[in-house]
N, C-alpha and C. Protein backbone atom coordinates (compact mmCIF):
# COMPACT_ATOMS: atom_id res chain seq x y z
N MET A 1 0.85 -1.18 0.00
CA MET A 1 0.00 0.00 0.00
C MET A 1 0.89 1.24 0.00
N PRO A 2 0.62 2.20 -0.88
CA PRO A 2 1.42 3.43 -0.91
C PRO A 2 1.34 4.17 0.43
N ILE A 3 2.43 4.82 0.79
CA ILE A 3 2.47 5.53 2.07
C ILE A 3 1.38 6.59 2.13
N PHE A 4 1.15 7.30 1.02
CA PHE A 4 0.11 8.33 1.00
C PHE A 4 -1.24 7.75 1.37
N LEU A 5 -1.58 6.60 0.78
CA LEU A 5 -2.87 5.97 1.05
C LEU A 5 -2.94 5.49 2.49
N ALA A 6 -1.86 4.89 2.98
CA ALA A 6 -1.84 4.41 4.36
C ALA A 6 -2.02 5.58 5.33
N HIS A 7 -1.36 6.71 5.04
CA HIS A 7 -1.50 7.91 5.88
C HIS A 7 -2.94 8.40 5.86
N LYS A 8 -3.55 8.44 4.68
CA LYS A 8 -4.92 8.92 4.54
C LYS A 8 -5.89 8.00 5.28
N ILE A 9 -5.67 6.69 5.19
CA ILE A 9 -6.53 5.74 5.91
C ILE A 9 -6.38 5.93 7.41
N ARG A 10 -5.14 6.11 7.88
CA ARG A 10 -4.91 6.31 9.31
C ARG A 10 -5.62 7.57 9.79
N ILE A 11 -5.54 8.66 9.02
CA ILE A 11 -6.22 9.89 9.39
C ILE A 11 -7.73 9.67 9.39
N SER A 12 -8.24 8.97 8.38
CA SER A 12 -9.68 8.72 8.31
C SER A 12 -10.16 7.94 9.52
N PHE A 13 -9.41 6.90 9.92
CA PHE A 13 -9.80 6.13 11.09
C PHE A 13 -9.72 6.98 12.35
N SER A 14 -8.73 7.87 12.43
CA SER A 14 -8.62 8.76 13.58
C SER A 14 -9.82 9.70 13.65
N ILE A 15 -10.21 10.22 12.51
CA ILE A 15 -11.37 11.12 12.47
C ILE A 15 -12.63 10.35 12.88
N LEU A 16 -12.79 9.15 12.35
CA LEU A 16 -13.95 8.34 12.70
C LEU A 16 -13.98 8.04 14.19
N ALA A 17 -12.82 7.74 14.77
CA ALA A 17 -12.76 7.46 16.21
C ALA A 17 -13.16 8.69 17.01
N LEU A 18 -12.67 9.87 16.60
CA LEU A 18 -13.04 11.10 17.29
C LEU A 18 -14.53 11.38 17.16
N ILE A 19 -15.06 11.19 15.96
CA ILE A 19 -16.48 11.44 15.73
C ILE A 19 -17.32 10.47 16.56
N ALA A 20 -16.90 9.21 16.61
CA ALA A 20 -17.65 8.22 17.38
C ALA A 20 -17.62 8.55 18.87
N ALA A 21 -16.50 9.06 19.35
CA ALA A 21 -16.36 9.35 20.78
C ALA A 21 -16.96 10.69 21.16
N PHE A 22 -17.16 11.58 20.19
CA PHE A 22 -17.57 12.95 20.50
C PHE A 22 -18.87 13.06 21.29
N PRO A 23 -19.94 12.31 20.96
CA PRO A 23 -21.17 12.48 21.75
C PRO A 23 -20.97 12.21 23.24
N ALA A 24 -20.20 11.18 23.58
CA ALA A 24 -19.95 10.89 24.98
C ALA A 24 -19.12 11.99 25.63
N ILE A 25 -18.11 12.46 24.91
CA ILE A 25 -17.27 13.55 25.44
C ILE A 25 -18.11 14.80 25.63
N ALA A 26 -18.95 15.11 24.63
CA ALA A 26 -19.79 16.30 24.69
C ALA A 26 -20.76 16.22 25.87
N HIS A 27 -21.35 15.04 26.06
CA HIS A 27 -22.30 14.87 27.16
C HIS A 27 -21.60 15.08 28.50
N GLU A 28 -20.44 14.44 28.66
CA GLU A 28 -19.70 14.57 29.91
C GLU A 28 -19.29 16.02 30.14
N ALA A 29 -18.85 16.69 29.08
CA ALA A 29 -18.43 18.08 29.21
C ALA A 29 -19.57 18.98 29.62
N THR A 30 -20.74 18.77 29.04
CA THR A 30 -21.87 19.64 29.38
C THR A 30 -22.40 19.31 30.77
N GLU A 31 -22.33 18.05 31.18
CA GLU A 31 -22.77 17.67 32.52
C GLU A 31 -21.90 18.31 33.59
N ASN A 32 -20.59 18.42 33.31
CA ASN A 32 -19.64 18.91 34.30
C ASN A 32 -19.27 20.38 34.11
N ALA A 33 -19.85 21.03 33.11
CA ALA A 33 -19.47 22.41 32.81
C ALA A 33 -20.07 23.37 33.83
N ASP A 34 -19.29 24.34 34.20
CA ASP A 34 -19.75 25.41 35.08
C ASP A 34 -20.30 26.51 34.18
N PRO A 35 -21.65 26.75 34.21
CA PRO A 35 -22.23 27.73 33.29
C PRO A 35 -21.69 29.14 33.46
N SER A 36 -21.13 29.46 34.63
CA SER A 36 -20.58 30.79 34.84
C SER A 36 -19.15 30.89 34.30
N ASN A 37 -18.56 29.77 33.94
CA ASN A 37 -17.19 29.76 33.43
C ASN A 37 -17.22 29.73 31.91
N HIS A 38 -16.94 30.86 31.27
CA HIS A 38 -17.01 30.95 29.81
C HIS A 38 -15.90 30.18 29.12
N SER A 39 -14.88 29.74 29.86
CA SER A 39 -13.81 28.98 29.22
C SER A 39 -14.04 27.47 29.34
N SER A 40 -15.14 27.06 29.97
CA SER A 40 -15.42 25.64 30.10
C SER A 40 -15.83 25.05 28.76
N LEU A 41 -15.91 23.73 28.70
CA LEU A 41 -16.25 23.06 27.45
C LEU A 41 -17.70 23.26 27.05
N GLY A 42 -18.53 23.76 27.92
CA GLY A 42 -19.94 23.98 27.61
C GLY A 42 -20.17 25.33 26.95
N THR A 43 -19.28 25.74 26.12
CA THR A 43 -19.32 27.06 25.48
C THR A 43 -19.75 26.95 24.03
N PRO A 44 -19.67 28.04 23.29
CA PRO A 44 -20.05 28.02 21.88
C PRO A 44 -19.34 26.95 21.06
N PHE A 45 -18.09 26.63 21.39
CA PHE A 45 -17.38 25.57 20.66
C PHE A 45 -18.17 24.27 20.71
N LEU A 46 -18.55 23.87 21.92
CA LEU A 46 -19.28 22.62 22.07
C LEU A 46 -20.65 22.70 21.43
N SER A 47 -21.33 23.81 21.59
CA SER A 47 -22.64 23.99 20.98
C SER A 47 -22.57 23.88 19.46
N GLU A 48 -21.59 24.54 18.87
CA GLU A 48 -21.44 24.50 17.41
C GLU A 48 -21.06 23.11 16.92
N ASN A 49 -20.23 22.42 17.69
CA ASN A 49 -19.88 21.05 17.33
C ASN A 49 -21.10 20.13 17.42
N ASN A 50 -21.91 20.33 18.44
CA ASN A 50 -23.13 19.52 18.57
C ASN A 50 -24.06 19.75 17.39
N VAL A 51 -24.20 20.99 16.96
CA VAL A 51 -25.03 21.29 15.79
C VAL A 51 -24.47 20.59 14.55
N ALA A 52 -23.15 20.64 14.38
CA ALA A 52 -22.52 19.98 13.24
C ALA A 52 -22.76 18.48 13.28
N MET A 53 -22.65 17.88 14.45
CA MET A 53 -22.85 16.45 14.60
C MET A 53 -24.31 16.06 14.29
N GLU A 54 -25.24 16.84 14.81
CA GLU A 54 -26.65 16.55 14.57
C GLU A 54 -26.98 16.68 13.08
N ARG A 55 -26.45 17.71 12.43
CA ARG A 55 -26.67 17.91 11.00
C ARG A 55 -26.07 16.74 10.20
N MET A 56 -24.87 16.31 10.60
CA MET A 56 -24.23 15.19 9.93
C MET A 56 -25.05 13.92 10.07
N MET A 57 -25.49 13.62 11.28
CA MET A 57 -26.26 12.39 11.51
C MET A 57 -27.57 12.42 10.73
N LYS A 58 -28.23 13.56 10.69
CA LYS A 58 -29.47 13.68 9.92
C LYS A 58 -29.20 13.49 8.43
N GLY A 59 -28.10 14.06 7.94
CA GLY A 59 -27.75 13.94 6.54
C GLY A 59 -27.38 12.53 6.13
N MET A 60 -26.95 11.73 7.09
CA MET A 60 -26.57 10.35 6.80
C MET A 60 -27.77 9.40 6.82
N GLU A 61 -28.93 9.89 7.26
CA GLU A 61 -30.15 9.09 7.26
C GLU A 61 -30.76 9.15 5.86
N VAL A 62 -30.41 8.18 5.04
CA VAL A 62 -30.82 8.18 3.63
C VAL A 62 -31.87 7.12 3.40
N GLU A 63 -32.94 7.52 2.76
CA GLU A 63 -33.95 6.56 2.30
C GLU A 63 -33.35 5.86 1.08
N PRO A 64 -33.18 4.54 1.13
CA PRO A 64 -32.56 3.84 0.00
C PRO A 64 -33.28 4.11 -1.32
N THR A 65 -32.48 4.38 -2.35
CA THR A 65 -33.05 4.65 -3.67
C THR A 65 -32.95 3.44 -4.58
N GLY A 66 -32.21 2.43 -4.14
CA GLY A 66 -31.94 1.29 -5.01
C GLY A 66 -30.64 1.46 -5.77
N ASP A 67 -30.06 2.65 -5.73
CA ASP A 67 -28.77 2.92 -6.35
C ASP A 67 -27.75 3.05 -5.23
N VAL A 68 -27.04 1.97 -4.96
CA VAL A 68 -26.09 1.93 -3.85
C VAL A 68 -25.04 3.02 -3.98
N ASP A 69 -24.55 3.26 -5.18
CA ASP A 69 -23.52 4.28 -5.38
C ASP A 69 -24.05 5.65 -4.97
N HIS A 70 -25.23 5.99 -5.42
CA HIS A 70 -25.85 7.28 -5.09
C HIS A 70 -26.07 7.40 -3.58
N ASP A 71 -26.62 6.37 -2.98
CA ASP A 71 -26.90 6.40 -1.54
C ASP A 71 -25.60 6.57 -0.74
N PHE A 72 -24.55 5.87 -1.17
CA PHE A 72 -23.25 5.96 -0.52
C PHE A 72 -22.72 7.39 -0.58
N VAL A 73 -22.81 8.01 -1.75
CA VAL A 73 -22.29 9.37 -1.92
C VAL A 73 -23.08 10.34 -1.04
N ILE A 74 -24.38 10.18 -0.96
CA ILE A 74 -25.19 11.07 -0.11
C ILE A 74 -24.78 10.93 1.35
N MET A 75 -24.66 9.69 1.81
CA MET A 75 -24.28 9.46 3.22
C MET A 75 -22.87 9.95 3.51
N MET A 76 -21.93 9.62 2.63
CA MET A 76 -20.55 9.99 2.87
C MET A 76 -20.33 11.50 2.72
N SER A 77 -21.08 12.13 1.84
CA SER A 77 -20.97 13.59 1.71
C SER A 77 -21.39 14.27 3.00
N ALA A 78 -22.48 13.78 3.61
CA ALA A 78 -22.92 14.34 4.89
C ALA A 78 -21.87 14.09 5.98
N HIS A 79 -21.30 12.90 5.95
CA HIS A 79 -20.26 12.54 6.93
C HIS A 79 -19.03 13.45 6.76
N HIS A 80 -18.59 13.62 5.53
CA HIS A 80 -17.43 14.48 5.26
C HIS A 80 -17.74 15.94 5.59
N GLN A 81 -18.96 16.40 5.30
CA GLN A 81 -19.33 17.76 5.63
C GLN A 81 -19.32 17.97 7.14
N GLY A 82 -19.71 16.93 7.88
CA GLY A 82 -19.64 17.01 9.34
C GLY A 82 -18.22 17.23 9.81
N ALA A 83 -17.27 16.52 9.20
CA ALA A 83 -15.86 16.71 9.55
C ALA A 83 -15.40 18.12 9.20
N ILE A 84 -15.86 18.63 8.07
CA ILE A 84 -15.52 20.00 7.66
C ILE A 84 -16.07 20.99 8.68
N ASP A 85 -17.33 20.83 9.05
CA ASP A 85 -17.96 21.75 10.01
C ASP A 85 -17.25 21.72 11.36
N MET A 86 -16.88 20.52 11.80
CA MET A 86 -16.17 20.41 13.08
C MET A 86 -14.79 21.06 12.99
N ALA A 87 -14.10 20.86 11.88
CA ALA A 87 -12.79 21.47 11.70
C ALA A 87 -12.91 23.00 11.64
N MET A 88 -13.95 23.50 11.00
CA MET A 88 -14.16 24.95 10.95
C MET A 88 -14.39 25.50 12.36
N THR A 89 -15.08 24.75 13.19
CA THR A 89 -15.32 25.18 14.56
C THR A 89 -14.00 25.22 15.33
N LEU A 90 -13.14 24.22 15.10
CA LEU A 90 -11.82 24.23 15.74
C LEU A 90 -11.04 25.46 15.29
N LEU A 91 -11.10 25.79 14.00
CA LEU A 91 -10.38 26.98 13.52
C LEU A 91 -10.92 28.24 14.18
N LYS A 92 -12.19 28.25 14.45
CA LYS A 92 -12.81 29.42 15.05
C LYS A 92 -12.41 29.61 16.52
N TYR A 93 -12.30 28.49 17.25
CA TYR A 93 -12.08 28.59 18.69
C TYR A 93 -10.73 28.04 19.17
N GLY A 94 -10.09 27.18 18.39
CA GLY A 94 -8.86 26.53 18.84
C GLY A 94 -7.66 27.44 18.83
N LYS A 95 -6.73 27.14 19.69
CA LYS A 95 -5.50 27.93 19.82
C LYS A 95 -4.26 27.15 19.38
N ASN A 96 -4.30 25.83 19.43
CA ASN A 96 -3.15 24.99 19.12
C ASN A 96 -2.87 25.04 17.63
N GLU A 97 -1.72 25.59 17.26
CA GLU A 97 -1.39 25.78 15.84
C GLU A 97 -1.28 24.46 15.08
N GLN A 98 -0.79 23.42 15.72
CA GLN A 98 -0.70 22.12 15.06
C GLN A 98 -2.09 21.58 14.75
N LEU A 99 -3.01 21.70 15.69
CA LEU A 99 -4.38 21.25 15.45
C LEU A 99 -5.09 22.13 14.42
N ARG A 100 -4.79 23.42 14.43
CA ARG A 100 -5.39 24.32 13.45
C ARG A 100 -4.94 23.95 12.03
N ARG A 101 -3.65 23.60 11.87
CA ARG A 101 -3.16 23.17 10.55
C ARG A 101 -3.82 21.86 10.14
N LEU A 102 -3.96 20.94 11.09
CA LEU A 102 -4.62 19.67 10.80
C LEU A 102 -6.07 19.92 10.40
N ALA A 103 -6.75 20.83 11.08
CA ALA A 103 -8.13 21.16 10.74
C ALA A 103 -8.21 21.72 9.32
N GLN A 104 -7.26 22.57 8.94
CA GLN A 104 -7.23 23.10 7.58
C GLN A 104 -7.06 21.97 6.56
N GLU A 105 -6.19 21.03 6.86
CA GLU A 105 -5.99 19.88 5.97
C GLU A 105 -7.25 19.04 5.87
N ILE A 106 -7.92 18.83 6.99
CA ILE A 106 -9.17 18.05 6.99
C ILE A 106 -10.18 18.72 6.08
N ILE A 107 -10.31 20.02 6.18
CA ILE A 107 -11.28 20.75 5.37
C ILE A 107 -10.99 20.56 3.89
N VAL A 108 -9.75 20.77 3.49
CA VAL A 108 -9.39 20.66 2.08
C VAL A 108 -9.59 19.22 1.58
N GLU A 109 -9.09 18.25 2.35
CA GLU A 109 -9.20 16.85 1.92
C GLU A 109 -10.65 16.38 1.84
N GLN A 110 -11.45 16.76 2.82
CA GLN A 110 -12.85 16.32 2.81
C GLN A 110 -13.62 16.98 1.66
N GLN A 111 -13.31 18.24 1.37
CA GLN A 111 -13.96 18.90 0.23
C GLN A 111 -13.59 18.19 -1.07
N GLN A 112 -12.31 17.82 -1.20
CA GLN A 112 -11.87 17.13 -2.40
C GLN A 112 -12.55 15.76 -2.53
N GLU A 113 -12.70 15.07 -1.43
CA GLU A 113 -13.34 13.75 -1.48
C GLU A 113 -14.82 13.87 -1.82
N ILE A 114 -15.50 14.88 -1.29
CA ILE A 114 -16.90 15.09 -1.65
C ILE A 114 -17.01 15.34 -3.15
N ALA A 115 -16.14 16.20 -3.66
CA ALA A 115 -16.15 16.51 -5.10
C ALA A 115 -15.89 15.25 -5.93
N ALA A 116 -14.90 14.45 -5.53
CA ALA A 116 -14.57 13.23 -6.28
C ALA A 116 -15.74 12.25 -6.29
N MET A 117 -16.40 12.10 -5.16
CA MET A 117 -17.55 11.18 -5.10
C MET A 117 -18.69 11.68 -5.98
N LYS A 118 -18.95 12.97 -5.93
CA LYS A 118 -20.04 13.52 -6.75
C LYS A 118 -19.72 13.39 -8.24
N LEU A 119 -18.47 13.63 -8.60
CA LEU A 119 -18.06 13.45 -9.99
C LEU A 119 -18.26 12.00 -10.44
N ALA A 120 -17.97 11.07 -9.55
CA ALA A 120 -18.06 9.65 -9.89
C ALA A 120 -19.48 9.23 -10.25
N ILE A 121 -20.46 9.90 -9.68
CA ILE A 121 -21.85 9.52 -9.99
C ILE A 121 -22.54 10.55 -10.89
N GLY A 122 -21.78 11.55 -11.35
CA GLY A 122 -22.34 12.54 -12.25
C GLY A 122 -23.21 13.58 -11.57
N ALA A 123 -23.07 13.73 -10.27
CA ALA A 123 -23.85 14.73 -9.53
C ALA A 123 -23.15 16.09 -9.65
N PRO A 124 -23.92 17.17 -9.51
CA PRO A 124 -23.30 18.50 -9.56
C PRO A 124 -22.30 18.68 -8.43
N LEU A 125 -21.24 19.39 -8.72
CA LEU A 125 -20.21 19.64 -7.72
C LEU A 125 -20.68 20.69 -6.73
N PRO A 126 -20.19 20.60 -5.47
CA PRO A 126 -20.52 21.63 -4.49
C PRO A 126 -19.87 22.96 -4.89
N ALA A 127 -20.40 24.04 -4.39
CA ALA A 127 -19.85 25.36 -4.67
C ALA A 127 -18.47 25.51 -4.05
N SER A 128 -17.62 26.29 -4.68
CA SER A 128 -16.29 26.57 -4.13
C SER A 128 -16.44 27.43 -2.88
N VAL A 129 -15.51 27.23 -1.95
CA VAL A 129 -15.53 28.01 -0.72
C VAL A 129 -14.14 28.61 -0.48
N ALA A 130 -14.10 29.62 0.37
CA ALA A 130 -12.83 30.27 0.69
C ALA A 130 -11.90 29.32 1.43
N SER A 131 -10.64 29.60 1.37
CA SER A 131 -9.63 28.82 2.07
C SER A 131 -9.92 28.81 3.56
N PRO A 132 -9.74 27.64 4.22
CA PRO A 132 -10.01 27.59 5.66
C PRO A 132 -9.05 28.45 6.47
N SER A 133 -7.94 28.85 5.90
CA SER A 133 -7.01 29.70 6.65
C SER A 133 -7.59 31.09 6.87
N GLN A 134 -8.69 31.39 6.19
CA GLN A 134 -9.32 32.70 6.32
C GLN A 134 -10.24 32.77 7.53
N THR A 135 -10.43 31.66 8.24
CA THR A 135 -11.31 31.66 9.41
C THR A 135 -10.52 32.10 10.62
N PRO A 136 -10.85 33.27 11.18
CA PRO A 136 -10.07 33.77 12.30
C PRO A 136 -10.43 33.05 13.61
N SER A 137 -9.51 33.09 14.53
CA SER A 137 -9.77 32.59 15.88
C SER A 137 -10.70 33.57 16.57
N VAL A 138 -11.50 33.06 17.48
CA VAL A 138 -12.35 33.90 18.29
C VAL A 138 -11.62 34.16 19.60
N ALA A 139 -11.53 35.40 19.97
CA ALA A 139 -10.87 35.73 21.23
C ALA A 139 -11.74 35.20 22.36
N GLN A 140 -11.13 34.43 23.24
CA GLN A 140 -11.86 33.89 24.38
C GLN A 140 -11.54 34.70 25.61
N PRO A 141 -12.54 34.97 26.44
CA PRO A 141 -12.30 35.79 27.65
C PRO A 141 -11.37 35.10 28.63
């Protein structure tokens, strides 16, 4: 297996593991969050991530059309968009430069994969979007 592909698979599995674990982490964070502490995990970051997760899960609920390829692209596009939305939220609130660069890479790679899947089934391509490096950090109190 080419190193590039192995790296991409490893990143994909890491993303899937984080996505799978996120609801439990989010629940624990909101249960233990101090509402008067604006730097706690129960802040806009967590709220925006929860919205992204809910939107992703709803988008992955596909009524089968009988065309497995089409159904797969619809489900995976929603899944990839969820990763993009979560990465955008990290760019908005995160401070760790290494994680911010990784989030930028996730956004670009997931957009490319959505486009490739849509091209494969002849679906219209998604609209172009600005570079993720243009998303500023939010100053936290």
